[in-house]
Protein backbone atom coordinates (compact mmCIF):
# COMPACT_ATOMS: atom_id res chain seq x y z
CA UNK A 1 -28.36 22.28 -34.39
CA UNK A 2 -29.84 19.98 -31.78
CA UNK A 3 -29.97 21.19 -28.15
CA UNK A 4 -28.41 18.70 -25.66
CA UNK A 5 -30.77 16.93 -23.29
CA UNK A 6 -30.14 18.61 -19.91
CA UNK A 7 -30.96 15.48 -17.90
CA UNK A 8 -28.48 13.48 -19.99
CA UNK A 9 -25.81 16.15 -19.47
CA UNK A 10 -26.53 16.19 -15.72
CA UNK A 11 -26.26 12.41 -15.56
CA UNK A 12 -22.94 12.52 -17.42
CA UNK A 13 -21.53 15.23 -15.12
CA UNK A 14 -22.68 13.30 -12.03
CA UNK A 15 -20.95 10.17 -13.30
CA UNK A 16 -17.74 12.15 -13.92
CA UNK A 17 -17.87 13.60 -10.40
CA UNK A 18 -18.43 10.16 -8.87
CA UNK A 19 -15.49 8.73 -10.82
CA UNK A 20 -13.28 11.63 -9.71
CA UNK A 21 -14.22 11.22 -6.06
CA UNK A 22 -13.66 7.46 -6.27
CA UNK A 23 -10.10 8.25 -7.36
CA UNK A 24 -9.45 10.37 -4.27
CA UNK A 25 -7.36 8.88 -1.54
CA UNK A 26 -8.43 7.14 1.57
CA UNK A 27 -7.05 7.53 5.04
CA UNK A 28 -8.58 4.66 7.02
CA UNK A 29 -5.71 4.73 9.50
CA UNK A 30 -5.93 8.48 10.11
CA UNK A 31 -2.32 8.96 9.04
CA UNK A 32 -0.98 12.25 10.39
CA UNK A 33 1.05 14.93 8.58
CA UNK A 34 4.27 13.05 9.42
CA UNK A 35 3.16 9.72 7.94
CA UNK A 36 2.38 8.04 11.28
CA UNK A 37 -0.74 6.53 12.81
CA UNK A 38 -1.54 5.55 16.38
CA UNK A 39 -4.21 3.12 15.14
CA UNK A 40 -3.33 1.69 11.72
CA UNK A 41 -6.13 -0.18 9.96
CA UNK A 42 -5.35 -3.06 7.62
CA UNK A 43 -7.96 -3.93 4.98
CA UNK A 44 -9.65 -7.34 4.91
CA UNK A 45 -7.72 -9.90 2.86
CA UNK A 46 -10.82 -10.60 0.78
CA UNK A 47 -10.75 -6.97 -0.42
CA UNK A 48 -7.37 -7.32 -2.12
CA UNK A 49 -7.35 -6.60 -5.85
CA UNK A 50 -4.60 -9.22 -6.04
CA UNK A 51 -6.01 -11.88 -3.73
CA UNK A 52 -3.13 -14.19 -4.59
CA UNK A 53 -0.64 -11.63 -3.26
CA UNK A 54 2.91 -11.59 -4.52
CA UNK A 55 6.30 -13.02 -3.66
CA UNK A 56 8.22 -9.82 -3.18
CA UNK A 57 12.01 -9.75 -3.25
CA UNK A 58 13.23 -9.68 0.35
CA UNK A 59 16.34 -7.87 -0.89
CA UNK A 60 14.12 -5.12 -2.33
CA UNK A 61 11.97 -5.03 0.78
CA UNK A 62 15.10 -4.38 2.86
CA UNK A 63 15.69 -1.25 0.77
CA UNK A 64 12.32 0.21 1.75
CA UNK A 65 13.16 2.97 4.21
CA UNK A 66 11.53 6.25 5.27
CA UNK A 67 11.87 8.94 2.63
CA UNK A 68 10.99 6.93 -0.48
CA UNK A 69 8.69 8.34 -3.14
CA UNK A 70 5.81 6.48 -4.75
CA UNK A 71 7.77 5.79 -7.97
CA UNK A 72 10.65 4.38 -5.90
CA UNK A 73 8.23 2.10 -4.06
CA UNK A 74 6.79 0.95 -7.40
CA UNK A 75 10.28 -0.03 -8.49
CA UNK A 76 11.06 -1.92 -5.30
CA UNK A 77 7.82 -3.65 -4.31
CA UNK A 78 5.29 -2.94 -7.05
CA UNK A 79 1.79 -1.52 -7.03
CA UNK A 80 -0.42 -1.78 -3.94
CA UNK A 81 -2.61 -4.90 -3.81
CA UNK A 82 -5.76 -3.19 -2.62
CA UNK A 83 -7.86 -0.66 -4.50
CA UNK A 84 -6.12 2.42 -3.20
CA UNK A 85 -6.35 5.45 -5.44
CA UNK A 86 -3.48 7.52 -6.74
CA UNK A 87 -4.26 11.05 -5.52
CA UNK A 88 -4.14 12.26 -1.91
CA UNK A 89 -3.40 8.72 -0.77
CA UNK A 90 -1.94 8.47 2.72
CA UNK A 91 -1.53 4.68 2.84
CA UNK A 92 -0.88 1.73 0.55
CA UNK A 93 -1.50 -1.89 1.45
CA UNK A 94 0.13 -5.04 0.12
CA UNK A 95 -0.39 -8.78 0.46
CA UNK A 96 2.98 -10.53 0.44
CA UNK A 97 3.88 -14.20 0.57
CA UNK A 98 7.18 -15.56 1.75
CA UNK A 99 8.49 -19.13 1.52
CA UNK A 100 8.30 -20.95 4.82
CA UNK A 101 11.21 -23.36 5.34
CA UNK A 102 10.17 -27.01 5.55
CA UNK A 103 6.68 -26.52 4.16
CA UNK A 104 4.94 -25.75 0.91
CA UNK A 105 2.55 -23.32 2.61
CA UNK A 106 3.77 -19.73 2.34
CA UNK A 107 3.73 -17.24 5.16
CA UNK A 108 1.04 -14.63 4.29
CA UNK A 109 1.74 -11.10 5.46
CA UNK A 110 0.04 -7.77 5.04
CA UNK A 111 2.27 -4.75 4.60
CA UNK A 112 1.25 -1.12 5.01
CA UNK A 113 3.05 2.00 3.78
CA UNK A 114 2.03 5.35 5.26
CA UNK A 115 2.81 8.68 3.58
CA UNK A 116 3.36 12.15 5.01
CA UNK A 117 1.82 15.39 3.69
CA UNK A 118 4.51 15.56 0.99
CA UNK A 119 3.51 12.11 -0.32
CA UNK A 120 6.77 10.64 0.95
CA UNK A 121 6.66 7.22 2.61
CA UNK A 122 7.51 7.45 6.31
CA UNK A 123 6.15 4.38 8.12
CA UNK A 124 6.00 0.69 7.28
CA UNK A 125 4.08 -1.98 9.18
CA UNK A 126 3.54 -5.73 8.93
CA UNK A 127 0.49 -7.71 10.01
CA UNK A 128 1.11 -9.91 11.83
CA UNK A 129 4.11 -8.03 13.26
CA UNK A 130 6.11 -11.28 13.31
CA UNK A 131 6.35 -11.03 9.50
CA UNK A 132 9.05 -8.38 9.98
CA UNK A 133 11.36 -11.26 10.92
CA UNK A 134 11.60 -12.19 7.25
CA UNK A 135 13.79 -9.12 6.75
CA UNK A 136 16.42 -10.62 9.05
CA UNK A 137 16.45 -14.08 7.45
CA UNK A 138 19.73 -14.60 5.60
CA UNK A 139 20.51 -10.91 5.87
CA UNK A 140 24.05 -10.04 4.96
CA UNK A 141 26.07 -8.97 7.94
CA UNK A 142 25.70 -5.26 8.53
CA UNK A 143 22.69 -4.82 6.23
CA UNK A 144 20.33 -2.24 7.59
CA UNK A 145 16.70 -3.27 7.88
CA UNK A 146 13.87 -0.73 7.74
CA UNK A 147 12.65 0.79 10.98
CA UNK A 148 9.08 -0.21 11.80
CA UNK A 149 6.99 2.17 13.84
């Protein structure tokens, strides 16, 4: 039986460790245990894995409230648009586009979801903040919009 090359095994184990660490979450905004940040950081648009963004359903976006789980967010607004990992992730970032009345140019908005220690979404932010107005456009009377903090 042939003895494995120790340097090859070491290289393989190092690659596995690097891949595992790359899958660990990031916390650029220093999200606290309650899913809040006093200084949220939005990634550069050029770093989006989906640089074209997406036209999210405003109706679904209105349903995004504190207390949602990651699978519930997937169902409502899809996967994050930046290369956030899956484990120990404290924030997800999206690049949304909304139709702008009277023009063919869409309104481009970044959207951040911040999770608490239990991996439950607690805070939602838009950049620029004026993008939150899209949630009030054509809203049915009495519809509750998410609270932005």
